[in-house]
PDB file of all heavy atoms in Angstrom:
ATOM      1  N   GLU A   1       9.587 -55.154 -17.743  1.00  0.00           N
ATOM      2  CA  GLU A   1       8.675 -56.276 -17.551  1.00  0.00           C
ATOM      3  C   GLU A   1       9.451 -57.588 -17.658  1.00  0.00           C
ATOM      4  O   GLU A   1       9.987 -57.914 -18.712  1.00  0.00           O
ATOM      5  CB  GLU A   1       7.554 -56.255 -18.590  1.00  0.00           C
ATOM      6  CG  GLU A   1       6.572 -57.382 -18.399  1.00  0.00           C
ATOM      7  CD  GLU A   1       5.473 -57.414 -19.446  1.00  0.00           C
ATOM      8  OE1 GLU A   1       5.577 -56.747 -20.481  1.00  0.00           O
ATOM      9  OE2 GLU A   1       4.499 -58.148 -19.208  1.00  0.00           O
ATOM     10  N   PRO A   2       9.503 -58.372 -16.559  1.00  0.00           N
ATOM     11  CA  PRO A   2      10.240 -59.639 -16.594  1.00  0.00           C
ATOM     12  C   PRO A   2       9.428 -60.751 -17.255  1.00  0.00           C
ATOM     13  O   PRO A   2       8.196 -60.735 -17.234  1.00  0.00           O
ATOM     14  CB  PRO A   2      10.466 -59.948 -15.114  1.00  0.00           C
ATOM     15  CG  PRO A   2       9.295 -59.336 -14.422  1.00  0.00           C
ATOM     16  CD  PRO A   2       8.961 -58.100 -15.228  1.00  0.00           C
ATOM     17  N   TYR A   3      10.159 -61.691 -17.833  1.00  0.00           N
ATOM     18  CA  TYR A   3       9.548 -62.888 -18.407  1.00  0.00           C
ATOM     19  C   TYR A   3      10.097 -64.105 -17.685  1.00  0.00           C
ATOM     20  O   TYR A   3      11.142 -64.038 -17.033  1.00  0.00           O
ATOM     21  CB  TYR A   3       9.828 -62.952 -19.912  1.00  0.00           C
ATOM     22  CG  TYR A   3       8.904 -62.049 -20.684  1.00  0.00           C
ATOM     23  CD1 TYR A   3       9.105 -60.670 -20.707  1.00  0.00           C
ATOM     24  CD2 TYR A   3       7.802 -62.556 -21.347  1.00  0.00           C
ATOM     25  CE1 TYR A   3       8.242 -59.825 -21.387  1.00  0.00           C
ATOM     26  CE2 TYR A   3       6.927 -61.714 -22.039  1.00  0.00           C
ATOM     27  CZ  TYR A   3       7.156 -60.359 -22.046  1.00  0.00           C
ATOM     28  OH  TYR A   3       6.292 -59.530 -22.711  1.00  0.00           O
ATOM     29  N   GLU A   4       9.400 -65.234 -17.789  1.00  0.00           N
ATOM     30  CA  GLU A   4       9.772 -66.428 -17.038  1.00  0.00           C
ATOM     31  C   GLU A   4      11.159 -66.956 -17.388  1.00  0.00           C
ATOM     32  O   GLU A   4      11.793 -67.612 -16.561  1.00  0.00           O
ATOM     33  CB  GLU A   4       8.725 -67.517 -17.232  1.00  0.00           C
ATOM     34  CG  GLU A   4       7.423 -67.167 -16.526  1.00  0.00           C
ATOM     35  CD  GLU A   4       6.427 -68.303 -16.521  1.00  0.00           C
ATOM     36  OE1 GLU A   4       6.838 -69.466 -16.673  1.00  0.00           O
ATOM     37  OE2 GLU A   4       5.239 -68.013 -16.354  1.00  0.00           O
ATOM     38  N   ASP A   5      11.646 -66.660 -18.578  1.00  0.00           N
ATOM     39  CA  ASP A   5      12.977 -67.136 -18.967  1.00  0.00           C
ATOM     40  C   ASP A   5      14.099 -66.233 -18.447  1.00  0.00           C
ATOM     41  O   ASP A   5      15.265 -66.449 -18.739  1.00  0.00           O
ATOM     42  CB  ASP A   5      13.081 -67.287 -20.483  1.00  0.00           C
ATOM     43  CG  ASP A   5      12.976 -65.976 -21.242  1.00  0.00           C
ATOM     44  OD1 ASP A   5      12.766 -64.911 -20.608  1.00  0.00           O
ATOM     45  OD2 ASP A   5      13.105 -65.999 -22.480  1.00  0.00           O
ATOM     46  N   GLY A   6      13.745 -65.204 -17.666  1.00  0.00           N
ATOM     47  CA  GLY A   6      14.732 -64.298 -17.101  1.00  0.00           C
ATOM     48  C   GLY A   6      14.979 -63.051 -17.932  1.00  0.00           C
ATOM     49  O   GLY A   6      15.690 -62.144 -17.512  1.00  0.00           O
ATOM     50  N   SER A   7      14.401 -62.995 -19.131  1.00  0.00           N
ATOM     51  CA  SER A   7      14.579 -61.816 -19.982  1.00  0.00           C
ATOM     52  C   SER A   7      13.612 -60.714 -19.551  1.00  0.00           C
ATOM     53  O   SER A   7      12.705 -60.939 -18.751  1.00  0.00           O
ATOM     54  CB  SER A   7      14.351 -62.183 -21.451  1.00  0.00           C
ATOM     55  OG  SER A   7      12.996 -62.555 -21.666  1.00  0.00           O
ATOM     56  N   TYR A   8      13.843 -59.518 -20.083  1.00  0.00           N
ATOM     57  CA  TYR A   8      13.010 -58.349 -19.782  1.00  0.00           C
ATOM     58  C   TYR A   8      12.674 -57.619 -21.068  1.00  0.00           C
ATOM     59  O   TYR A   8      13.506 -57.533 -21.975  1.00  0.00           O
ATOM     60  CB  TYR A   8      13.756 -57.354 -18.877  1.00  0.00           C
ATOM     61  CG  TYR A   8      13.842 -57.768 -17.444  1.00  0.00           C
ATOM     62  CD1 TYR A   8      14.752 -58.727 -17.028  1.00  0.00           C
ATOM     63  CD2 TYR A   8      12.999 -57.198 -16.498  1.00  0.00           C
ATOM     64  CE1 TYR A   8      14.837 -59.112 -15.703  1.00  0.00           C
ATOM     65  CE2 TYR A   8      13.073 -57.575 -15.165  1.00  0.00           C
ATOM     66  CZ  TYR A   8      13.989 -58.532 -14.775  1.00  0.00           C
ATOM     67  OH  TYR A   8      14.065 -58.913 -13.460  1.00  0.00           O
ATOM     68  N   VAL A   9      11.473 -57.078 -21.125  1.00  0.00           N
ATOM     69  CA  VAL A   9      11.087 -56.134 -22.168  1.00  0.00           C
ATOM     70  C   VAL A   9      11.000 -54.775 -21.487  1.00  0.00           C
ATOM     71  O   VAL A   9      10.537 -54.672 -20.350  1.00  0.00           O
ATOM     72  CB  VAL A   9       9.754 -56.514 -22.830  1.00  0.00           C
ATOM     73  CG1 VAL A   9       9.277 -55.426 -23.774  1.00  0.00           C
ATOM     74  CG2 VAL A   9       9.890 -57.829 -23.569  1.00  0.00           C
ATOM     75  N   VAL A  10      11.472 -53.733 -22.179  1.00  0.00           N
ATOM     76  CA  VAL A  10      11.527 -52.393 -21.596  1.00  0.00           C
ATOM     77  C   VAL A  10      10.725 -51.431 -22.465  1.00  0.00           C
ATOM     78  O   VAL A  10      10.909 -51.382 -23.683  1.00  0.00           O
ATOM     79  CB  VAL A  10      12.986 -51.895 -21.491  1.00  0.00           C
ATOM     80  CG1 VAL A  10      13.039 -50.540 -20.804  1.00  0.00           C
ATOM     81  CG2 VAL A  10      13.859 -52.917 -20.763  1.00  0.00           C
ATOM     82  N   TYR A  11       9.826 -50.678 -21.832  1.00  0.00           N
ATOM     83  CA  TYR A  11       8.981 -49.690 -22.499  1.00  0.00           C
ATOM     84  C   TYR A  11       9.247 -48.314 -21.895  1.00  0.00           C
ATOM     85  O   TYR A  11       9.408 -48.199 -20.690  1.00  0.00           O
ATOM     86  CB  TYR A  11       7.494 -49.988 -22.257  1.00  0.00           C
ATOM     87  CG  TYR A  11       7.073 -51.408 -22.468  1.00  0.00           C
ATOM     88  CD1 TYR A  11       7.159 -52.339 -21.443  1.00  0.00           C
ATOM     89  CD2 TYR A  11       6.562 -51.813 -23.685  1.00  0.00           C
ATOM     90  CE1 TYR A  11       6.755 -53.647 -21.631  1.00  0.00           C
ATOM     91  CE2 TYR A  11       6.152 -53.120 -23.882  1.00  0.00           C
ATOM     92  CZ  TYR A  11       6.246 -54.036 -22.850  1.00  0.00           C
ATOM     93  OH  TYR A  11       5.850 -55.330 -23.038  1.00  0.00           O
ATOM     94  N   PHE A  12       9.234 -47.286 -22.730  1.00  0.00           N
ATOM     95  CA  PHE A  12       9.365 -45.903 -22.271  1.00  0.00           C
ATOM     96  C   PHE A  12       8.020 -45.206 -22.471  1.00  0.00           C
ATOM     97  O   PHE A  12       7.687 -44.827 -23.600  1.00  0.00           O
ATOM     98  CB  PHE A  12      10.457 -45.173 -23.050  1.00  0.00           C
ATOM     99  CG  PHE A  12      11.850 -45.612 -22.693  1.00  0.00           C
ATOM    100  CD1 PHE A  12      12.435 -46.683 -23.345  1.00  0.00           C
ATOM    101  CD2 PHE A  12      12.566 -44.956 -21.705  1.00  0.00           C
ATOM    102  CE1 PHE A  12      13.715 -47.101 -23.008  1.00  0.00           C
ATOM    103  CE2 PHE A  12      13.844 -45.363 -21.366  1.00  0.00           C
ATOM    104  CZ  PHE A  12      14.424 -46.437 -22.021  1.00  0.00           C
ATOM    105  N   PRO A  13       7.229 -45.036 -21.418  1.00  0.00           N
ATOM    106  CA  PRO A  13       5.897 -44.430 -21.561  1.00  0.00           C
ATOM    107  C   PRO A  13       5.901 -43.038 -22.188  1.00  0.00           C
ATOM    108  O   PRO A  13       4.947 -42.672 -22.883  1.00  0.00           O
ATOM    109  CB  PRO A  13       5.367 -44.377 -20.125  1.00  0.00           C
ATOM    110  CG  PRO A  13       6.118 -45.443 -19.403  1.00  0.00           C
ATOM    111  CD  PRO A  13       7.475 -45.471 -20.044  1.00  0.00           C
ATOM    112  N   ASP A  14       6.953 -42.250 -21.962  1.00  0.00           N
ATOM    113  CA  ASP A  14       7.017 -40.896 -22.525  1.00  0.00           C
ATOM    114  C   ASP A  14       7.427 -40.880 -23.993  1.00  0.00           C
ATOM    115  O   ASP A  14       7.352 -39.836 -24.639  1.00  0.00           O
ATOM    116  CB  ASP A  14       8.011 -40.034 -21.736  1.00  0.00           C
ATOM    117  CG  ASP A  14       7.575 -39.782 -20.310  1.00  0.00           C
ATOM    118  OD1 ASP A  14       6.352 -39.623 -20.081  1.00  0.00           O
ATOM    119  OD2 ASP A  14       8.440 -39.746 -19.418  1.00  0.00           O
ATOM    120  N   LEU A  15       7.899 -42.019 -24.493  1.00  0.00           N
ATOM    121  CA  LEU A  15       8.443 -42.085 -25.851  1.00  0.00           C
ATOM    122  C   LEU A  15       7.817 -43.257 -26.597  1.00  0.00           C
ATOM    123  O   LEU A  15       8.411 -44.339 -26.705  1.00  0.00           O
ATOM    124  CB  LEU A  15       9.975 -42.240 -25.795  1.00  0.00           C
ATOM    125  CG  LEU A  15      10.710 -41.134 -25.043  1.00  0.00           C
ATOM    126  CD1 LEU A  15      12.129 -41.552 -24.730  1.00  0.00           C
ATOM    127  CD2 LEU A  15      10.678 -39.846 -25.856  1.00  0.00           C
ATOM    128  N   PRO A  16       6.604 -43.081 -27.112  1.00  0.00           N
ATOM    129  CA  PRO A  16       5.951 -44.171 -27.827  1.00  0.00           C
ATOM    130  C   PRO A  16       6.850 -44.725 -28.932  1.00  0.00           C
ATOM    131  O   PRO A  16       7.494 -43.983 -29.669  1.00  0.00           O
ATOM    132  CB  PRO A  16       4.700 -43.514 -28.413  1.00  0.00           C
ATOM    133  CG  PRO A  16       4.444 -42.346 -27.523  1.00  0.00           C
ATOM    134  CD  PRO A  16       5.810 -41.864 -27.093  1.00  0.00           C
ATOM    135  N   GLY A  17       6.920 -46.039 -28.999  1.00  0.00           N
ATOM    136  CA  GLY A  17       7.746 -46.693 -30.001  1.00  0.00           C
ATOM    137  C   GLY A  17       9.147 -47.007 -29.523  1.00  0.00           C
ATOM    138  O   GLY A  17       9.887 -47.727 -30.184  1.00  0.00           O
ATOM    139  N   CYS A  18       9.541 -46.486 -28.378  1.00  0.00           N
ATOM    140  CA  CYS A  18      10.870 -46.771 -27.828  1.00  0.00           C
ATOM    141  C   CYS A  18      10.741 -47.993 -26.920  1.00  0.00           C
ATOM    142  O   CYS A  18      10.335 -47.881 -25.758  1.00  0.00           O
ATOM    143  CB  CYS A  18      11.415 -45.559 -27.075  1.00  0.00           C
ATOM    144  SG  CYS A  18      13.147 -45.767 -26.597  1.00  0.00           S
ATOM    145  N   VAL A  19      11.062 -49.144 -27.474  1.00  0.00           N
ATOM    146  CA  VAL A  19      10.922 -50.431 -26.795  1.00  0.00           C
ATOM    147  C   VAL A  19      12.167 -51.243 -27.084  1.00  0.00           C
ATOM    148  O   VAL A  19      12.722 -51.186 -28.189  1.00  0.00           O
ATOM    149  CB  VAL A  19       9.680 -51.194 -27.317  1.00  0.00           C
ATOM    150  CG1 VAL A  19       9.538 -52.549 -26.650  1.00  0.00           C
ATOM    151  CG2 VAL A  19       8.420 -50.374 -27.139  1.00  0.00           C
ATOM    152  N   THR A  20      12.611 -52.025 -26.102  1.00  0.00           N
ATOM    153  CA  THR A  20      13.758 -52.902 -26.304  1.00  0.00           C
ATOM    154  C   THR A  20      13.614 -54.102 -25.381  1.00  0.00           C
ATOM    155  O   THR A  20      12.624 -54.229 -24.652  1.00  0.00           O
ATOM    156  CB  THR A  20      15.090 -52.155 -26.065  1.00  0.00           C
ATOM    157  OG1 THR A  20      16.180 -52.971 -26.502  1.00  0.00           O
ATOM    158  CG2 THR A  20      15.276 -51.751 -24.626  1.00  0.00           C
ATOM    159  N   GLN A  21      14.597 -54.978 -25.407  1.00  0.00           N
ATOM    160  CA  GLN A  21      14.584 -56.140 -24.528  1.00  0.00           C
ATOM    161  C   GLN A  21      16.002 -56.536 -24.191  1.00  0.00           C
ATOM    162  O   GLN A  21      16.950 -56.132 -24.858  1.00  0.00           O
ATOM    163  CB  GLN A  21      13.825 -57.301 -25.168  1.00  0.00           C
ATOM    164  CG  GLN A  21      14.474 -57.894 -26.400  1.00  0.00           C
ATOM    165  CD  GLN A  21      15.482 -58.988 -26.060  1.00  0.00           C
ATOM    166  OE1 GLN A  21      15.311 -59.737 -25.110  1.00  0.00           O
ATOM    167  NE2 GLN A  21      16.548 -59.073 -26.840  1.00  0.00           N
ATOM    168  N   GLY A  22      16.152 -57.317 -23.127  1.00  0.00           N
ATOM    169  CA  GLY A  22      17.460 -57.817 -22.729  1.00  0.00           C
ATOM    170  C   GLY A  22      17.340 -59.224 -22.186  1.00  0.00           C
ATOM    171  O   GLY A  22      16.281 -59.632 -21.709  1.00  0.00           O
ATOM    172  N   ASP A  23      18.440 -59.967 -22.230  1.00  0.00           N
ATOM    173  CA  ASP A  23      18.452 -61.358 -21.778  1.00  0.00           C
ATOM    174  C   ASP A  23      18.278 -61.492 -20.270  1.00  0.00           C
ATOM    175  O   ASP A  23      17.824 -62.525 -19.784  1.00  0.00           O
ATOM    176  CB  ASP A  23      19.758 -62.042 -22.189  1.00  0.00           C
ATOM    177  CG  ASP A  23      19.866 -62.186 -23.699  1.00  0.00           C
ATOM    178  OD1 ASP A  23      18.823 -62.244 -24.379  1.00  0.00           O
ATOM    179  OD2 ASP A  23      21.007 -62.241 -24.199  1.00  0.00           O
ATOM    180  N   ASP A  24      18.674 -60.462 -19.523  1.00  0.00           N
ATOM    181  CA  ASP A  24      18.520 -60.419 -18.078  1.00  0.00           C
ATOM    182  C   ASP A  24      18.445 -58.939 -17.690  1.00  0.00           C
ATOM    183  O   ASP A  24      18.491 -58.072 -18.563  1.00  0.00           O
ATOM    184  CB  ASP A  24      19.664 -61.150 -17.361  1.00  0.00           C
ATOM    185  CG  ASP A  24      21.046 -60.675 -17.772  1.00  0.00           C
ATOM    186  OD1 ASP A  24      21.203 -59.500 -18.165  1.00  0.00           O
ATOM    187  OD2 ASP A  24      22.001 -61.475 -17.702  1.00  0.00           O
ATOM    188  N   LEU A  25      18.321 -58.638 -16.391  1.00  0.00           N
ATOM    189  CA  LEU A  25      18.139 -57.246 -15.992  1.00  0.00           C
ATOM    190  C   LEU A  25      19.321 -56.349 -16.359  1.00  0.00           C
ATOM    191  O   LEU A  25      19.108 -55.265 -16.928  1.00  0.00           O
ATOM    192  CB  LEU A  25      17.825 -57.148 -14.498  1.00  0.00           C
ATOM    193  CG  LEU A  25      17.458 -55.761 -13.984  1.00  0.00           C
ATOM    194  CD1 LEU A  25      16.282 -55.160 -14.761  1.00  0.00           C
ATOM    195  CD2 LEU A  25      17.129 -55.825 -12.499  1.00  0.00           C
ATOM    196  N   PRO A  26      20.575 -56.753 -16.113  1.00  0.00           N
ATOM    197  CA  PRO A  26      21.687 -55.889 -16.528  1.00  0.00           C
ATOM    198  C   PRO A  26      21.722 -55.655 -18.047  1.00  0.00           C
ATOM    199  O   PRO A  26      21.973 -54.540 -18.504  1.00  0.00           O
ATOM    200  CB  PRO A  26      22.935 -56.626 -16.046  1.00  0.00           C
ATOM    201  CG  PRO A  26      22.464 -57.468 -14.907  1.00  0.00           C
ATOM    202  CD  PRO A  26      21.065 -57.887 -15.296  1.00  0.00           C
ATOM    203  N   ASP A  27      21.442 -56.695 -18.817  1.00  0.00           N
ATOM    204  CA  ASP A  27      21.419 -56.549 -20.274  1.00  0.00           C
ATOM    205  C   ASP A  27      20.267 -55.640 -20.699  1.00  0.00           C
ATOM    206  O   ASP A  27      20.418 -54.787 -21.578  1.00  0.00           O
ATOM    207  CB  ASP A  27      21.297 -57.922 -20.936  1.00  0.00           C
ATOM    208  CG  ASP A  27      21.414 -57.861 -22.446  1.00  0.00           C
ATOM    209  OD1 ASP A  27      22.337 -57.176 -22.953  1.00  0.00           O
ATOM    210  OD2 ASP A  27      20.589 -58.516 -23.124  1.00  0.00           O
ATOM    211  N   ALA A  28      19.115 -55.799 -20.051  1.00  0.00           N
ATOM    212  CA  ALA A  28      17.959 -54.944 -20.369  1.00  0.00           C
ATOM    213  C   ALA A  28      18.263 -53.481 -20.067  1.00  0.00           C
ATOM    214  O   ALA A  28      17.864 -52.594 -20.829  1.00  0.00           O
ATOM    215  CB  ALA A  28      16.728 -55.412 -19.598  1.00  0.00           C
ATOM    216  N   MET A  29      18.990 -53.211 -18.986  1.00  0.00           N
ATOM    217  CA  MET A  29      19.350 -51.826 -18.655  1.00  0.00           C
ATOM    218  C   MET A  29      20.284 -51.255 -19.720  1.00  0.00           C
ATOM    219  O   MET A  29      20.091 -50.122 -20.168  1.00  0.00           O
ATOM    220  CB  MET A  29      20.002 -51.751 -17.278  1.00  0.00           C
ATOM    221  CG  MET A  29      20.348 -50.339 -16.849  1.00  0.00           C
ATOM    222  SD  MET A  29      18.976 -49.169 -16.810  1.00  0.00           S
ATOM    223  CE  MET A  29      18.349 -49.462 -15.175  1.00  0.00           C
ATOM    224  N   ARG A  30      21.281 -52.035 -20.146  1.00  0.00           N
ATOM    225  CA  ARG A  30      22.191 -51.559 -21.217  1.00  0.00           C
ATOM    226  C   ARG A  30      21.419 -51.302 -22.508  1.00  0.00           C
ATOM    227  O   ARG A  30      21.620 -50.281 -23.173  1.00  0.00           O
ATOM    228  CB  ARG A  30      23.299 -52.586 -21.473  1.00  0.00           C
ATOM    229  CG  ARG A  30      24.411 -52.590 -20.455  1.00  0.00           C
ATOM    230  CD  ARG A  30      25.566 -53.475 -20.874  1.00  0.00           C
ATOM    231  NE  ARG A  30      25.192 -54.883 -21.025  1.00  0.00           N
ATOM    232  CZ  ARG A  30      25.117 -55.770 -20.023  1.00  0.00           C
ATOM    233  NH1 ARG A  30      25.389 -55.383 -18.789  1.00  0.00           N
ATOM    234  NH2 ARG A  30      24.775 -57.014 -20.260  1.00  0.00           N
ATOM    235  N   MET A  31      20.544 -52.219 -22.861  1.00  0.00           N
ATOM    236  CA  MET A  31      19.759 -52.065 -24.086  1.00  0.00           C
ATOM    237  C   MET A  31      18.814 -50.866 -23.977  1.00  0.00           C
ATOM    238  O   MET A  31      18.590 -50.152 -24.951  1.00  0.00           O
ATOM    239  CB  MET A  31      18.982 -53.349 -24.385  1.00  0.00           C
ATOM    240  CG  MET A  31      19.870 -54.551 -24.650  1.00  0.00           C
ATOM    241  SD  MET A  31      20.995 -54.343 -26.035  1.00  0.00           S
ATOM    242  CE  MET A  31      19.837 -54.298 -27.384  1.00  0.00           C
ATOM    243  N   ALA A  32      18.271 -50.638 -22.788  1.00  0.00           N
ATOM    244  CA  ALA A  32      17.381 -49.489 -22.573  1.00  0.00           C
ATOM    245  C   ALA A  32      18.141 -48.183 -22.754  1.00  0.00           C
ATOM    246  O   ALA A  32      17.637 -47.237 -23.381  1.00  0.00           O
ATOM    247  CB  ALA A  32      16.746 -49.564 -21.193  1.00  0.00           C
ATOM    248  N   GLN A  33      19.358 -48.110 -22.220  1.00  0.00           N
ATOM    249  CA  GLN A  33      20.163 -46.903 -22.385  1.00  0.00           C
ATOM    250  C   GLN A  33      20.455 -46.650 -23.862  1.00  0.00           C
ATOM    251  O   GLN A  33      20.363 -45.515 -24.336  1.00  0.00           O
ATOM    252  CB  GLN A  33      21.471 -47.032 -21.608  1.00  0.00           C
ATOM    253  CG  GLN A  33      21.284 -46.980 -20.122  1.00  0.00           C
ATOM    254  CD  GLN A  33      22.583 -47.196 -19.382  1.00  0.00           C
ATOM    255  OE1 GLN A  33      23.339 -48.119 -19.668  1.00  0.00           O
ATOM    256  NE2 GLN A  33      22.839 -46.332 -18.425  1.00  0.00           N
ATOM    257  N   GLU A  34      20.786 -47.699 -24.589  1.00  0.00           N
ATOM    258  CA  GLU A  34      21.077 -47.545 -26.021  1.00  0.00           C
ATOM    259  C   GLU A  34      19.825 -47.143 -26.790  1.00  0.00           C
ATOM    260  O   GLU A  34      19.862 -46.238 -27.626  1.00  0.00           O
ATOM    261  CB  GLU A  34      21.645 -48.846 -26.569  1.00  0.00           C
ATOM    262  CG  GLU A  34      22.054 -48.753 -28.022  1.00  0.00           C
ATOM    263  CD  GLU A  34      22.701 -50.031 -28.510  1.00  0.00           C
ATOM    264  OE1 GLU A  34      23.570 -50.578 -27.813  1.00  0.00           O
ATOM    265  OE2 GLU A  34      22.327 -50.469 -29.619  1.00  0.00           O
ATOM    266  N   ALA A  35      18.701 -47.822 -26.520  1.00  0.00           N
ATOM    267  CA  ALA A  35      17.451 -47.497 -27.220  1.00  0.00           C
ATOM    268  C   ALA A  35      17.032 -46.057 -26.945  1.00  0.00           C
ATOM    269  O   ALA A  35      16.607 -45.338 -27.859  1.00  0.00           O
ATOM    270  CB  ALA A  35      16.346 -48.464 -26.792  1.00  0.00           C
ATOM    271  N   LEU A  36      17.157 -45.634 -25.689  1.00  0.00           N
ATOM    272  CA  LEU A  36      16.811 -44.258 -25.333  1.00  0.00           C
ATOM    273  C   LEU A  36      17.691 -43.273 -26.082  1.00  0.00           C
ATOM    274  O   LEU A  36      17.196 -42.290 -26.656  1.00  0.00           O
ATOM    275  CB  LEU A  36      16.937 -44.060 -23.825  1.00  0.00           C
ATOM    276  CG  LEU A  36      16.689 -42.648 -23.295  1.00  0.00           C
ATOM    277  CD1 LEU A  36      15.286 -42.163 -23.634  1.00  0.00           C
ATOM    278  CD2 LEU A  36      16.928 -42.612 -21.788  1.00  0.00           C
ATOM    279  N   SER A  37      18.982 -43.520 -26.111  1.00  0.00           N
ATOM    280  CA  SER A  37      19.907 -42.623 -26.819  1.00  0.00           C
ATOM    281  C   SER A  37      19.548 -42.494 -28.289  1.00  0.00           C
ATOM    282  O   SER A  37      19.478 -41.387 -28.830  1.00  0.00           O
ATOM    283  CB  SER A  37      21.344 -43.141 -26.701  1.00  0.00           C
ATOM    284  OG  SER A  37      21.773 -43.095 -25.377  1.00  0.00           O
ATOM    285  N   LEU A  38      19.325 -43.617 -28.928  1.00  0.00           N
ATOM    286  CA  LEU A  38      19.023 -43.601 -30.366  1.00  0.00           C
ATOM    287  C   LEU A  38      17.667 -42.952 -30.642  1.00  0.00           C
ATOM    288  O   LEU A  38      17.513 -42.226 -31.628  1.00  0.00           O
ATOM    289  CB  LEU A  38      19.087 -45.006 -30.937  1.00  0.00           C
ATOM    290  CG  LEU A  38      20.488 -45.619 -30.939  1.00  0.00           C
ATOM    291  CD1 LEU A  38      20.426 -47.089 -31.325  1.00  0.00           C
ATOM    292  CD2 LEU A  38      21.421 -44.848 -31.861  1.00  0.00           C
ATOM    293  N   HIS A  39      16.698 -43.199 -29.780  1.00  0.00           N
ATOM    294  CA  HIS A  39      15.380 -42.598 -29.969  1.00  0.00           C
ATOM    295  C   HIS A  39      15.451 -41.073 -29.835  1.00  0.00           C
ATOM    296  O   HIS A  39      14.930 -40.344 -30.684  1.00  0.00           O
ATOM    297  CB  HIS A  39      14.398 -43.179 -28.952  1.00  0.00           C
ATOM    298  CG  HIS A  39      12.981 -42.922 -29.283  1.00  0.00           C
ATOM    299  ND1 HIS A  39      12.230 -43.768 -30.066  1.00  0.00           N
ATOM    300  CD2 HIS A  39      12.156 -41.898 -28.946  1.00  0.00           C
ATOM    301  CE1 HIS A  39      11.004 -43.284 -30.194  1.00  0.00           C
ATOM    302  NE2 HIS A  39      10.937 -42.148 -29.519  1.00  0.00           N
ATOM    303  N   LEU A  40      16.130 -40.600 -28.793  1.00  0.00           N
ATOM    304  CA  LEU A  40      16.268 -39.149 -28.595  1.00  0.00           C
ATOM    305  C   LEU A  40      17.083 -38.516 -29.722  1.00  0.00           C
ATOM    306  O   LEU A  40      16.757 -37.418 -30.196  1.00  0.00           O
ATOM    307  CB  LEU A  40      16.905 -38.849 -27.241  1.00  0.00           C
ATOM    308  CG  LEU A  40      16.091 -39.243 -26.012  1.00  0.00           C
ATOM    309  CD1 LEU A  40      16.899 -38.980 -24.740  1.00  0.00           C
ATOM    310  CD2 LEU A  40      14.750 -38.545 -25.979  1.00  0.00           C
TER     311      LEU A  40
END
């Protein structure tokens, strides 16, 4: 989910509670990969 400042919030529908954010899309993707790894 993008925000007006260019940041993103990332939600994993299959994994309640697994949420992260990034300063931009590439950062959000890196943070999502890390959050997913740690959650699993």
